[in-house]
Protein backbone atom coordinates (compact mmCIF):
# COMPACT_ATOMS: atom_id res chain seq x y z
CA UNK A 1 -45.15 15.15 -6.93
CA UNK A 2 -47.34 13.59 -4.07
CA UNK A 3 -45.99 10.34 -3.93
CA UNK A 4 -45.11 8.93 -0.59
CA UNK A 5 -42.13 7.25 0.65
CA UNK A 6 -43.73 4.19 0.20
CA UNK A 7 -44.66 4.20 -3.29
CA UNK A 8 -41.10 5.77 -4.38
CA UNK A 9 -39.57 2.54 -1.95
CA UNK A 10 -42.36 0.08 -3.96
CA UNK A 11 -41.27 1.82 -7.36
CA UNK A 12 -37.59 1.32 -6.86
CA UNK A 13 -38.30 -2.58 -5.57
CA UNK A 14 -39.92 -2.92 -8.89
CA UNK A 15 -36.73 -1.85 -10.72
CA UNK A 16 -34.58 -4.02 -8.64
CA UNK A 17 -36.87 -7.18 -9.74
CA UNK A 18 -36.62 -6.13 -13.51
CA UNK A 19 -33.05 -6.09 -13.32
CA UNK A 20 -32.55 -9.25 -11.72
CA UNK A 21 -35.31 -10.68 -14.43
CA UNK A 22 -33.01 -9.42 -17.16
CA UNK A 23 -35.35 -6.42 -18.08
CA UNK A 24 -32.41 -4.34 -18.03
CA UNK A 25 -34.05 -1.56 -20.05
CA UNK A 26 -37.01 -1.40 -18.33
CA UNK A 27 -35.13 -1.01 -14.73
CA UNK A 28 -33.47 1.47 -16.26
CA UNK A 29 -36.38 3.01 -17.74
CA UNK A 30 -37.87 2.79 -14.43
CA UNK A 31 -34.95 4.40 -12.62
CA UNK A 32 -35.04 7.06 -14.97
CA UNK A 33 -38.45 8.07 -13.64
CA UNK A 34 -37.26 7.70 -9.67
CA UNK A 35 -34.98 10.30 -10.68
CA UNK A 36 -37.37 12.69 -11.76
CA UNK A 37 -39.58 12.53 -8.36
CA UNK A 38 -36.94 12.57 -6.25
CA UNK A 39 -33.39 13.42 -7.96
CA UNK A 40 -31.49 13.24 -4.62
CA UNK A 41 -31.17 9.62 -3.65
CA UNK A 42 -28.49 8.02 -4.79
CA UNK A 43 -29.53 4.56 -5.29
CA UNK A 44 -31.71 5.26 -8.29
CA UNK A 45 -28.08 6.21 -9.84
CA UNK A 46 -26.30 3.12 -8.38
CA UNK A 47 -29.16 1.02 -9.87
CA UNK A 48 -29.11 2.63 -13.16
CA UNK A 49 -24.98 2.41 -13.00
CA UNK A 50 -25.43 -1.23 -11.70
CA UNK A 51 -27.44 -1.92 -15.73
CA UNK A 52 -25.30 0.21 -17.47
CA UNK A 53 -22.62 -1.95 -15.85
CA UNK A 54 -24.30 -5.85 -17.01
CA UNK A 55 -25.05 -4.14 -20.37
CA UNK A 56 -21.37 -3.55 -21.07
CA UNK A 57 -21.57 0.26 -20.97
CA UNK A 58 -19.31 1.25 -18.78
CA UNK A 59 -18.57 5.14 -19.90
CA UNK A 60 -22.12 5.60 -18.71
CA UNK A 61 -22.58 3.61 -15.60
CA UNK A 62 -19.58 5.28 -14.32
CA UNK A 63 -21.42 8.56 -14.87
CA UNK A 64 -24.22 7.10 -12.73
CA UNK A 65 -21.78 5.68 -10.37
CA UNK A 66 -20.65 9.65 -9.76
CA UNK A 67 -23.91 10.67 -9.55
CA UNK A 68 -24.91 8.01 -6.58
CA UNK A 69 -21.38 9.35 -5.16
CA UNK A 70 -22.57 12.74 -4.91
CA UNK A 71 -26.25 12.12 -3.43
CA UNK A 72 -24.64 9.00 -0.75
CA UNK A 73 -20.97 9.90 -0.01
CA UNK A 74 -19.13 6.79 0.25
CA UNK A 75 -21.10 4.20 -0.71
CA UNK A 76 -19.30 1.04 -0.17
CA UNK A 77 -22.00 -0.97 -2.98
CA UNK A 78 -21.18 2.30 -5.07
CA UNK A 79 -17.74 2.22 -4.49
CA UNK A 80 -17.04 -1.47 -5.68
CA UNK A 81 -19.15 -1.76 -8.60
CA UNK A 82 -17.43 1.88 -9.66
CA UNK A 83 -14.37 0.54 -9.31
CA UNK A 84 -15.24 -3.02 -11.07
CA UNK A 85 -16.63 -0.80 -13.95
CA UNK A 86 -12.94 1.06 -14.15
CA UNK A 87 -11.31 -2.12 -14.06
CA UNK A 88 -13.32 -3.13 -17.03
CA UNK A 89 -12.41 -0.12 -18.79
CA UNK A 90 -9.00 -1.27 -18.47
CA UNK A 91 -8.48 1.73 -15.45
CA UNK A 92 -7.16 -1.17 -13.35
CA UNK A 93 -5.39 1.06 -10.43
CA UNK A 94 -7.98 3.37 -9.99
CA UNK A 95 -10.35 0.78 -9.84
CA UNK A 96 -8.69 -1.21 -7.15
CA UNK A 97 -8.73 1.95 -5.20
CA UNK A 98 -12.32 2.04 -5.02
CA UNK A 99 -12.79 -1.59 -4.75
CA UNK A 100 -10.64 -1.24 -1.19
CA UNK A 101 -12.38 1.91 -0.35
CA UNK A 102 -15.73 0.16 -0.95
CA UNK A 103 -14.57 -3.05 1.09
CA UNK A 104 -12.74 -1.23 3.89
CA UNK A 105 -15.93 0.74 4.44
CA UNK A 106 -18.42 -2.81 4.56
CA UNK A 107 -15.93 -4.87 6.58
CA UNK A 108 -17.86 -4.90 9.82
CA UNK A 109 -20.92 -4.77 8.68
CA UNK A 110 -23.07 -8.19 7.73
CA UNK A 111 -25.42 -7.39 5.50
CA UNK A 112 -22.69 -6.24 3.17
CA UNK A 113 -20.81 -9.30 3.62
CA UNK A 114 -21.72 -10.18 -0.27
CA UNK A 115 -20.26 -7.21 -1.64
CA UNK A 116 -17.00 -7.56 0.52
CA UNK A 117 -16.50 -11.14 -0.74
CA UNK A 118 -17.29 -9.55 -4.50
CA UNK A 119 -14.75 -6.82 -3.91
CA UNK A 120 -12.03 -9.23 -2.26
CA UNK A 121 -12.69 -11.23 -5.06
CA UNK A 122 -11.21 -8.51 -7.72
CA UNK A 123 -8.66 -7.36 -6.01
CA UNK A 124 -7.33 -10.95 -5.45
CA UNK A 125 -7.66 -11.28 -9.25
CA UNK A 126 -6.49 -7.80 -10.37
CA UNK A 127 -4.24 -6.68 -7.37
């Protein structure tokens, strides 16, 4: 579509900022535009899933996490959030499997220390 990687990265940054400032619907819409332009990038689906999960729309969030996993297989962040979403949907055992998988994959990555901590809290609380 004539968009540079820099433009796509900037737009993704805007979507993240929208989510962090409570503009969840705008974040989802922005992710939707990004998916149309660059449909094979898992991080757009992941962010849409996180946004929908914050809105407590767990079933649809789960769909987007599955899509994120298709394009970015085994991403620890997706695994932990997907597991949390399943737990919130009442699928505790399945959710804990995803959380444990994500925590193990992220354990040695300093940049992912926050997701490891989030996962460990979920395991302690629901395990």
